[in-house]
Amino acid sequence: YDFGTPKSVDSVRLQARSFTGQGPKTFKIQYSDDNASWTDALTVASAPTWGSLEARTYTL
């Protein structure tokens, strides 16, 4: 997501789709200060199975 100007982000909330198991298992949240190089803010590997429409908040 491009905020247009620098913003401080301290958490990300993700929501699964309407079928059990339809959320991400392994993913990265990344950011860029220059739109060219990227830095990992969070890496999740082997997350538990998501329930239908389950939402989770990840602190960065």
PDB file of N, CA and C in Angstrom:
ATOM      1  N   TYR A   1       0.851  -1.159   0.000  1.00  0.00           N
ATOM      2  CA  TYR A   1       0.000   0.000   0.000  1.00  0.00           C
ATOM      3  C   TYR A   1       0.895   1.218   0.000  1.00  0.00           C
ATOM      4  N   ASP A   2       0.619   2.168  -0.844  1.00  0.00           N
ATOM      5  CA  ASP A   2       1.393   3.409  -0.915  1.00  0.00           C
ATOM      6  C   ASP A   2       0.622   4.505  -0.193  1.00  0.00           C
ATOM      7  N   PHE A   3       1.173   4.980   0.920  1.00  0.00           N
ATOM      8  CA  PHE A   3       0.530   6.039   1.698  1.00  0.00           C
ATOM      9  C   PHE A   3       0.757   7.428   1.104  1.00  0.00           C
ATOM     10  N   GLY A   4       1.691   7.539   0.168  1.00  0.00           N
ATOM     11  CA  GLY A   4       1.974   8.830  -0.448  1.00  0.00           C
ATOM     12  C   GLY A   4       2.999   9.642   0.314  1.00  0.00           C
ATOM     13  N   THR A   5       2.936   9.603   1.635  1.00  0.00           N
ATOM     14  CA  THR A   5       3.916  10.254   2.502  1.00  0.00           C
ATOM     15  C   THR A   5       4.303   9.255   3.593  1.00  0.00           C
ATOM     16  N   PRO A   6       5.468   9.402   4.196  1.00  0.00           N
ATOM     17  CA  PRO A   6       5.899   8.459   5.237  1.00  0.00           C
ATOM     18  C   PRO A   6       4.886   8.350   6.381  1.00  0.00           C
ATOM     19  N   LYS A   7       4.621   7.128   6.789  1.00  0.00           N
ATOM     20  CA  LYS A   7       3.721   6.845   7.911  1.00  0.00           C
ATOM     21  C   LYS A   7       4.371   5.803   8.803  1.00  0.00           C
ATOM     22  N   SER A   8       4.061   5.837  10.066  1.00  0.00           N
ATOM     23  CA  SER A   8       4.514   4.816  11.001  1.00  0.00           C
ATOM     24  C   SER A   8       3.421   3.750  11.111  1.00  0.00           C
ATOM     25  N   VAL A   9       3.776   2.513  10.853  1.00  0.00           N
ATOM     26  CA  VAL A   9       2.826   1.406  10.942  1.00  0.00           C
ATOM     27  C   VAL A   9       3.351   0.435  11.988  1.00  0.00           C
ATOM     28  N   ASP A  10       2.546   0.135  12.998  1.00  0.00           N
ATOM     29  CA  ASP A  10       3.027  -0.749  14.060  1.00  0.00           C
ATOM     30  C   ASP A  10       2.318  -2.092  14.105  1.00  0.00           C
ATOM     31  N   SER A  11       1.284  -2.258  13.289  1.00  0.00           N
ATOM     32  CA  SER A  11       0.605  -3.557  13.224  1.00  0.00           C
ATOM     33  C   SER A  11      -0.130  -3.691  11.892  1.00  0.00           C
ATOM     34  N   VAL A  12      -0.411  -4.949  11.553  1.00  0.00           N
ATOM     35  CA  VAL A  12      -1.148  -5.269  10.328  1.00  0.00           C
ATOM     36  C   VAL A  12      -2.225  -6.279  10.707  1.00  0.00           C
ATOM     37  N   ARG A  13      -3.443  -6.056  10.239  1.00  0.00           N
ATOM     38  CA  ARG A  13      -4.552  -6.981  10.510  1.00  0.00           C
ATOM     39  C   ARG A  13      -4.946  -7.648   9.201  1.00  0.00           C
ATOM     40  N   LEU A  14      -4.959  -8.988   9.204  1.00  0.00           N
ATOM     41  CA  LEU A  14      -5.332  -9.777   8.034  1.00  0.00           C
ATOM     42  C   LEU A  14      -6.580 -10.575   8.355  1.00  0.00           C
ATOM     43  N   GLN A  15      -7.409 -10.785   7.341  1.00  0.00           N
ATOM     44  CA  GLN A  15      -8.624 -11.578   7.527  1.00  0.00           C
ATOM     45  C   GLN A  15      -8.668 -12.673   6.478  1.00  0.00           C
ATOM     46  N   ALA A  16      -8.987 -13.882   6.930  1.00  0.00           N
ATOM     47  CA  ALA A  16      -9.099 -15.032   6.042  1.00  0.00           C
ATOM     48  C   ALA A  16     -10.367 -14.942   5.207  1.00  0.00           C
ATOM     49  N   ARG A  17     -10.391 -15.715   4.157  1.00  0.00           N
ATOM     50  CA  ARG A  17     -11.583 -15.800   3.321  1.00  0.00           C
ATOM     51  C   ARG A  17     -12.655 -16.609   4.045  1.00  0.00           C
ATOM     52  N   SER A  18     -13.773 -16.832   3.405  1.00  0.00           N
ATOM     53  CA  SER A  18     -14.931 -17.433   4.078  1.00  0.00           C
ATOM     54  C   SER A  18     -14.877 -18.956   4.195  1.00  0.00           C
ATOM     55  N   PHE A  19     -13.784 -19.572   3.806  1.00  0.00           N
ATOM     56  CA  PHE A  19     -13.643 -21.022   3.952  1.00  0.00           C
ATOM     57  C   PHE A  19     -12.498 -21.311   4.905  1.00  0.00           C
ATOM     58  N   THR A  20     -12.670 -22.273   5.807  1.00  0.00           N
ATOM     59  CA  THR A  20     -11.611 -22.650   6.731  1.00  0.00           C
ATOM     60  C   THR A  20     -10.359 -23.007   5.951  1.00  0.00           C
ATOM     61  N   GLY A  21      -9.218 -22.535   6.433  1.00  0.00           N
ATOM     62  CA  GLY A  21      -7.946 -22.830   5.796  1.00  0.00           C
ATOM     63  C   GLY A  21      -7.587 -21.871   4.666  1.00  0.00           C
ATOM     64  N   GLN A  22      -8.377 -20.806   4.469  1.00  0.00           N
ATOM     65  CA  GLN A  22      -8.141 -19.878   3.367  1.00  0.00           C
ATOM     66  C   GLN A  22      -7.326 -18.646   3.776  1.00  0.00           C
ATOM     67  N   GLY A  23      -6.539 -18.757   4.833  1.00  0.00           N
ATOM     68  CA  GLY A  23      -5.641 -17.670   5.241  1.00  0.00           C
ATOM     69  C   GLY A  23      -4.210 -18.057   4.928  1.00  0.00           C
ATOM     70  N   PRO A  24      -3.298 -17.083   4.952  1.00  0.00           N
ATOM     71  CA  PRO A  24      -1.906 -17.385   4.616  1.00  0.00           C
ATOM     72  C   PRO A  24      -1.212 -18.217   5.684  1.00  0.00           C
ATOM     73  N   LYS A  25      -0.362 -19.127   5.252  1.00  0.00           N
ATOM     74  CA  LYS A  25       0.431 -19.964   6.166  1.00  0.00           C
ATOM     75  C   LYS A  25       1.813 -19.367   6.362  1.00  0.00           C
ATOM     76  N   THR A  26       2.422 -18.947   5.263  1.00  0.00           N
ATOM     77  CA  THR A  26       3.772 -18.400   5.279  1.00  0.00           C
ATOM     78  C   THR A  26       3.768 -17.112   4.471  1.00  0.00           C
ATOM     79  N   PHE A  27       4.233 -16.019   5.071  1.00  0.00           N
ATOM     80  CA  PHE A  27       4.234 -14.738   4.364  1.00  0.00           C
ATOM     81  C   PHE A  27       5.198 -13.759   5.023  1.00  0.00           C
ATOM     82  N   LYS A  28       5.472 -12.672   4.301  1.00  0.00           N
ATOM     83  CA  LYS A  28       6.294 -11.577   4.808  1.00  0.00           C
ATOM     84  C   LYS A  28       5.533 -10.267   4.640  1.00  0.00           C
ATOM     85  N   ILE A  29       5.714  -9.380   5.608  1.00  0.00           N
ATOM     86  CA  ILE A  29       5.263  -8.003   5.494  1.00  0.00           C
ATOM     87  C   ILE A  29       6.536  -7.191   5.272  1.00  0.00           C
ATOM     88  N   GLN A  30       6.563  -6.428   4.187  1.00  0.00           N
ATOM     89  CA  GLN A  30       7.755  -5.656   3.849  1.00  0.00           C
ATOM     90  C   GLN A  30       7.400  -4.180   3.699  1.00  0.00           C
ATOM     91  N   TYR A  31       8.425  -3.338   3.834  1.00  0.00           N
ATOM     92  CA  TYR A  31       8.239  -1.907   3.591  1.00  0.00           C
ATOM     93  C   TYR A  31       9.421  -1.373   2.794  1.00  0.00           C
ATOM     94  N   SER A  32       9.199  -0.227   2.168  1.00  0.00           N
ATOM     95  CA  SER A  32      10.236   0.445   1.393  1.00  0.00           C
ATOM     96  C   SER A  32      10.207   1.929   1.687  1.00  0.00           C
ATOM     97  N   ASP A  33      11.381   2.498   1.882  1.00  0.00           N
ATOM     98  CA  ASP A  33      11.500   3.945   2.069  1.00  0.00           C
ATOM     99  C   ASP A  33      11.724   4.664   0.744  1.00  0.00           C
ATOM    100  N   ASP A  34      12.073   3.888  -0.303  1.00  0.00           N
ATOM    101  CA  ASP A  34      12.418   4.506  -1.581  1.00  0.00           C
ATOM    102  C   ASP A  34      11.723   3.868  -2.787  1.00  0.00           C
ATOM    103  N   ASN A  35      10.828   2.897  -2.555  1.00  0.00           N
ATOM    104  CA  ASN A  35      10.094   2.197  -3.610  1.00  0.00           C
ATOM    105  C   ASN A  35      11.010   1.399  -4.539  1.00  0.00           C
ATOM    106  N   ALA A  36      12.224   1.116  -4.069  1.00  0.00           N
ATOM    107  CA  ALA A  36      13.164   0.332  -4.866  1.00  0.00           C
ATOM    108  C   ALA A  36      13.732  -0.834  -4.057  1.00  0.00           C
ATOM    109  N   SER A  37      14.130  -0.571  -2.827  1.00  0.00           N
ATOM    110  CA  SER A  37      14.628  -1.631  -1.959  1.00  0.00           C
ATOM    111  C   SER A  37      13.605  -1.897  -0.860  1.00  0.00           C
ATOM    112  N   TRP A  38      13.522  -3.164  -0.444  1.00  0.00           N
ATOM    113  CA  TRP A  38      12.495  -3.574   0.510  1.00  0.00           C
ATOM    114  C   TRP A  38      13.124  -4.199   1.744  1.00  0.00           C
ATOM    115  N   THR A  39      12.507  -3.969   2.896  1.00  0.00           N
ATOM    116  CA  THR A  39      12.969  -4.494   4.173  1.00  0.00           C
ATOM    117  C   THR A  39      11.856  -5.337   4.786  1.00  0.00           C
ATOM    118  N   ASP A  40      12.224  -6.499   5.302  1.00  0.00           N
ATOM    119  CA  ASP A  40      11.236  -7.354   5.980  1.00  0.00           C
ATOM    120  C   ASP A  40      10.903  -6.757   7.346  1.00  0.00           C
ATOM    121  N   ALA A  41       9.636  -6.508   7.597  1.00  0.00           N
ATOM    122  CA  ALA A  41       9.174  -6.042   8.903  1.00  0.00           C
ATOM    123  C   ALA A  41       8.691  -7.215   9.750  1.00  0.00           C
ATOM    124  N   LEU A  42       8.220  -8.274   9.083  1.00  0.00           N
ATOM    125  CA  LEU A  42       7.680  -9.448   9.777  1.00  0.00           C
ATOM    126  C   LEU A  42       7.743 -10.630   8.837  1.00  0.00           C
ATOM    127  N   THR A  43       8.152 -11.778   9.369  1.00  0.00           N
ATOM    128  CA  THR A  43       8.123 -13.029   8.613  1.00  0.00           C
ATOM    129  C   THR A  43       7.342 -14.044   9.432  1.00  0.00           C
ATOM    130  N   VAL A  44       6.356 -14.665   8.829  1.00  0.00           N
ATOM    131  CA  VAL A  44       5.548 -15.696   9.487  1.00  0.00           C
ATOM    132  C   VAL A  44       5.716 -16.985   8.693  1.00  0.00           C
ATOM    133  N   ALA A  45       6.043 -18.060   9.390  1.00  0.00           N
ATOM    134  CA  ALA A  45       6.196 -19.366   8.756  1.00  0.00           C
ATOM    135  C   ALA A  45       5.338 -20.379   9.503  1.00  0.00           C
ATOM    136  N   SER A  46       4.601 -21.164   8.770  1.00  0.00           N
ATOM    137  CA  SER A  46       3.774 -22.236   9.346  1.00  0.00           C
ATOM    138  C   SER A  46       2.747 -21.714  10.351  1.00  0.00           C
ATOM    139  N   ALA A  47       2.020 -20.686   9.993  1.00  0.00           N
ATOM    140  CA  ALA A  47       0.955 -20.170  10.865  1.00  0.00           C
ATOM    141  C   ALA A  47      -0.120 -21.244  11.030  1.00  0.00           C
ATOM    142  N   PRO A  48      -0.791 -21.276  12.174  1.00  0.00           N
ATOM    143  CA  PRO A  48      -1.880 -22.232  12.362  1.00  0.00           C
ATOM    144  C   PRO A  48      -2.985 -22.016  11.317  1.00  0.00           C
ATOM    145  N   THR A  49      -3.735 -23.049  11.057  1.00  0.00           N
ATOM    146  CA  THR A  49      -4.839 -22.971  10.094  1.00  0.00           C
ATOM    147  C   THR A  49      -5.845 -21.914  10.539  1.00  0.00           C
ATOM    148  N   TRP A  50      -6.273 -21.119   9.594  1.00  0.00           N
ATOM    149  CA  TRP A  50      -7.222 -20.051   9.860  1.00  0.00           C
ATOM    150  C   TRP A  50      -8.651 -20.591   9.810  1.00  0.00           C
ATOM    151  N   GLY A  51      -9.512 -20.055  10.664  1.00  0.00           N
ATOM    152  CA  GLY A  51     -10.927 -20.365  10.606  1.00  0.00           C
ATOM    153  C   GLY A  51     -11.611 -19.477   9.570  1.00  0.00           C
ATOM    154  N   SER A  52     -12.830 -19.792   9.247  1.00  0.00           N
ATOM    155  CA  SER A  52     -13.608 -19.006   8.300  1.00  0.00           C
ATOM    156  C   SER A  52     -13.732 -17.562   8.779  1.00  0.00           C
ATOM    157  N   LEU A  53     -13.294 -16.614   7.964  1.00  0.00           N
ATOM    158  CA  LEU A  53     -13.344 -15.169   8.238  1.00  0.00           C
ATOM    159  C   LEU A  53     -12.561 -14.739   9.482  1.00  0.00           C
ATOM    160  N   GLU A  54     -11.690 -15.602   9.972  1.00  0.00           N
ATOM    161  CA  GLU A  54     -10.880 -15.256  11.139  1.00  0.00           C
ATOM    162  C   GLU A  54      -9.959 -14.080  10.811  1.00  0.00           C
ATOM    163  N   ALA A  55      -9.817 -13.163  11.752  1.00  0.00           N
ATOM    164  CA  ALA A  55      -8.905 -12.028  11.601  1.00  0.00           C
ATOM    165  C   ALA A  55      -7.795 -12.156  12.631  1.00  0.00           C
ATOM    166  N   ARG A  56      -6.584 -11.792  12.218  1.00  0.00           N
ATOM    167  CA  ARG A  56      -5.432 -11.811  13.125  1.00  0.00           C
ATOM    168  C   ARG A  56      -4.675 -10.500  12.960  1.00  0.00           C
ATOM    169  N   THR A  57      -4.172 -10.019  14.094  1.00  0.00           N
ATOM    170  CA  THR A  57      -3.367  -8.802  14.082  1.00  0.00           C
ATOM    171  C   THR A  57      -1.930  -9.188  14.377  1.00  0.00           C
ATOM    172  N   TYR A  58      -1.020  -8.694  13.552  1.00  0.00           N
ATOM    173  CA  TYR A  58       0.407  -8.960  13.699  1.00  0.00           C
ATOM    174  C   TYR A  58       1.096  -7.645  14.052  1.00  0.00           C
ATOM    175  N   THR A  59       1.840  -7.660  15.144  1.00  0.00           N
ATOM    176  CA  THR A  59       2.605  -6.487  15.562  1.00  0.00           C
ATOM    177  C   THR A  59       3.939  -6.499  14.833  1.00  0.00           C
ATOM    178  N   LEU A  60       4.296  -5.361  14.287  1.00  0.00           N
ATOM    179  CA  LEU A  60       5.542  -5.254  13.530  1.00  0.00           C
ATOM    180  C   LEU A  60       6.692  -4.831  14.421  1.00  0.00           C
TER     181      LEU A  60
END
